[in-house]
Amino acid sequence: MKHILKCPKCGSYSMKEQCDCGQNRIEPKPPKYSPEDKYGKYRREAKKMIEDEK
């Protein structure tokens, strides 16, 4: 099943993987929630580093 994709460079949406501007489009949706979050530790560390810089 194909999903709508978004170009990170120009912000256009399409079902095609390649954008007219030359970039590859990505899925704009966040990953599904999982109680066994593999990357939660890294996200919390990154968020804390950003808050500490402010």
N, C-alpha and C. Protein backbone atom coordinates (compact mmCIF):
# COMPACT_ATOMS: atom_id res chain seq x y z
N MET A 1 0.84 -1.18 0.00
CA MET A 1 0.00 0.00 0.00
C MET A 1 0.88 1.24 0.00
N LYS A 2 0.60 2.17 -0.88
CA LYS A 2 1.39 3.39 -0.97
C LYS A 2 0.79 4.47 -0.09
N HIS A 3 1.63 5.29 0.45
CA HIS A 3 1.21 6.40 1.28
C HIS A 3 1.63 7.71 0.63
N ILE A 4 1.05 8.78 1.08
CA ILE A 4 1.45 10.10 0.59
C ILE A 4 2.83 10.43 1.18
N LEU A 5 3.67 11.03 0.37
CA LEU A 5 5.04 11.36 0.76
C LEU A 5 5.25 12.86 0.67
N LYS A 6 6.20 13.38 1.46
CA LYS A 6 6.50 14.81 1.48
C LYS A 6 7.97 15.03 1.17
N CYS A 7 8.23 16.05 0.37
CA CYS A 7 9.61 16.41 0.03
C CYS A 7 10.17 17.28 1.16
N PRO A 8 11.32 16.91 1.74
CA PRO A 8 11.88 17.73 2.81
C PRO A 8 12.46 19.06 2.32
N LYS A 9 12.77 19.16 1.04
CA LYS A 9 13.38 20.38 0.50
C LYS A 9 12.33 21.43 0.15
N CYS A 10 11.37 21.06 -0.70
CA CYS A 10 10.40 22.05 -1.16
C CYS A 10 9.05 21.95 -0.46
N GLY A 11 8.78 20.85 0.27
CA GLY A 11 7.56 20.72 1.03
C GLY A 11 6.36 20.25 0.25
N SER A 12 6.55 19.80 -0.99
CA SER A 12 5.41 19.33 -1.79
C SER A 12 5.05 17.90 -1.41
N TYR A 13 3.79 17.54 -1.62
CA TYR A 13 3.28 16.20 -1.33
C TYR A 13 2.97 15.48 -2.63
N SER A 14 3.20 14.16 -2.65
CA SER A 14 2.89 13.36 -3.82
C SER A 14 2.98 11.89 -3.45
N MET A 15 2.55 11.03 -4.36
CA MET A 15 2.68 9.59 -4.18
C MET A 15 4.00 9.08 -4.78
N LYS A 16 4.67 9.91 -5.59
CA LYS A 16 5.93 9.52 -6.21
C LYS A 16 7.06 9.65 -5.20
N GLU A 17 8.04 8.75 -5.29
CA GLU A 17 9.18 8.79 -4.36
C GLU A 17 10.18 9.88 -4.73
N GLN A 18 10.28 10.20 -6.00
CA GLN A 18 11.22 11.23 -6.47
C GLN A 18 10.48 12.53 -6.70
N CYS A 19 10.97 13.63 -6.14
CA CYS A 19 10.35 14.94 -6.31
C CYS A 19 10.89 15.61 -7.57
N ASP A 20 10.16 16.59 -8.08
CA ASP A 20 10.59 17.34 -9.26
C ASP A 20 11.85 18.15 -8.97
N CYS A 21 12.08 18.51 -7.70
CA CYS A 21 13.27 19.29 -7.36
C CYS A 21 14.52 18.41 -7.22
N GLY A 22 14.35 17.07 -7.32
CA GLY A 22 15.50 16.17 -7.30
C GLY A 22 15.70 15.44 -5.99
N GLN A 23 14.96 15.78 -4.96
CA GLN A 23 15.09 15.12 -3.66
C GLN A 23 14.18 13.89 -3.59
N ASN A 24 14.52 12.96 -2.69
CA ASN A 24 13.65 11.83 -2.41
C ASN A 24 12.64 12.26 -1.36
N ARG A 25 11.38 11.87 -1.55
CA ARG A 25 10.34 12.22 -0.58
C ARG A 25 10.36 11.22 0.57
N ILE A 26 9.88 11.67 1.74
CA ILE A 26 9.82 10.82 2.93
C ILE A 26 8.40 10.80 3.47
N GLU A 27 8.10 9.82 4.34
CA GLU A 27 6.79 9.77 4.98
C GLU A 27 6.71 10.84 6.04
N PRO A 28 5.68 11.68 6.02
CA PRO A 28 5.60 12.77 7.00
C PRO A 28 5.05 12.34 8.36
N LYS A 29 4.60 11.09 8.47
CA LYS A 29 3.99 10.63 9.72
C LYS A 29 5.07 10.17 10.71
N PRO A 30 4.84 10.37 12.01
CA PRO A 30 5.77 9.84 13.00
C PRO A 30 5.60 8.33 13.11
N PRO A 31 6.60 7.64 13.66
CA PRO A 31 6.47 6.19 13.82
C PRO A 31 5.39 5.86 14.86
N LYS A 32 4.83 4.66 14.78
CA LYS A 32 3.80 4.23 15.72
C LYS A 32 4.38 4.13 17.13
N TYR A 33 3.53 4.37 18.12
CA TYR A 33 3.94 4.26 19.52
C TYR A 33 4.17 2.80 19.88
N SER A 34 5.20 2.54 20.62
CA SER A 34 5.48 1.20 21.11
C SER A 34 5.97 1.31 22.55
N PRO A 35 5.42 0.51 23.47
CA PRO A 35 5.92 0.54 24.84
C PRO A 35 7.37 0.05 24.93
N GLU A 36 7.79 -0.72 23.95
CA GLU A 36 9.18 -1.18 23.90
C GLU A 36 9.96 -0.27 22.97
N ASP A 37 10.02 1.00 23.29
CA ASP A 37 10.63 2.03 22.45
C ASP A 37 12.15 1.86 22.43
N LYS A 38 12.68 1.47 21.27
CA LYS A 38 14.11 1.23 21.14
C LYS A 38 14.93 2.52 21.20
N TYR A 39 14.37 3.62 20.71
CA TYR A 39 15.13 4.85 20.56
C TYR A 39 14.69 5.95 21.52
N GLY A 40 13.84 5.64 22.49
CA GLY A 40 13.34 6.63 23.44
C GLY A 40 14.46 7.29 24.23
N LYS A 41 15.44 6.49 24.62
CA LYS A 41 16.58 7.02 25.39
C LYS A 41 17.30 8.11 24.60
N TYR A 42 17.52 7.87 23.32
CA TYR A 42 18.25 8.83 22.48
C TYR A 42 17.43 10.10 22.24
N ARG A 43 16.11 9.94 22.06
CA ARG A 43 15.25 11.12 21.87
C ARG A 43 15.23 11.99 23.12
N ARG A 44 15.14 11.35 24.29
CA ARG A 44 15.15 12.12 25.54
C ARG A 44 16.47 12.84 25.75
N GLU A 45 17.59 12.18 25.42
CA GLU A 45 18.90 12.82 25.53
C GLU A 45 19.01 14.01 24.58
N ALA A 46 18.54 13.86 23.36
CA ALA A 46 18.59 14.95 22.37
C ALA A 46 17.72 16.11 22.83
N LYS A 47 16.54 15.81 23.34
CA LYS A 47 15.64 16.86 23.82
C LYS A 47 16.26 17.62 24.99
N LYS A 48 16.92 16.88 25.90
CA LYS A 48 17.57 17.52 27.05
C LYS A 48 18.73 18.41 26.59
N MET A 49 19.50 17.96 25.60
CA MET A 49 20.61 18.76 25.10
C MET A 49 20.09 20.07 24.48
N ILE A 50 18.99 20.00 23.75
CA ILE A 50 18.40 21.19 23.14
C ILE A 50 17.93 22.16 24.21
N GLU A 51 17.29 21.63 25.26
CA GLU A 51 16.81 22.49 26.35
C GLU A 51 17.96 23.12 27.11
N ASP A 52 19.06 22.38 27.27
CA ASP A 52 20.23 22.91 27.99
C ASP A 52 20.92 24.03 27.22
N GLU A 53 20.83 24.00 25.88
CA GLU A 53 21.45 25.03 25.06
C GLU A 53 20.71 26.36 25.15
N LYS A 54 19.42 26.30 25.48
CA LYS A 54 18.61 27.53 25.54
C LYS A 54 18.82 28.30 26.79
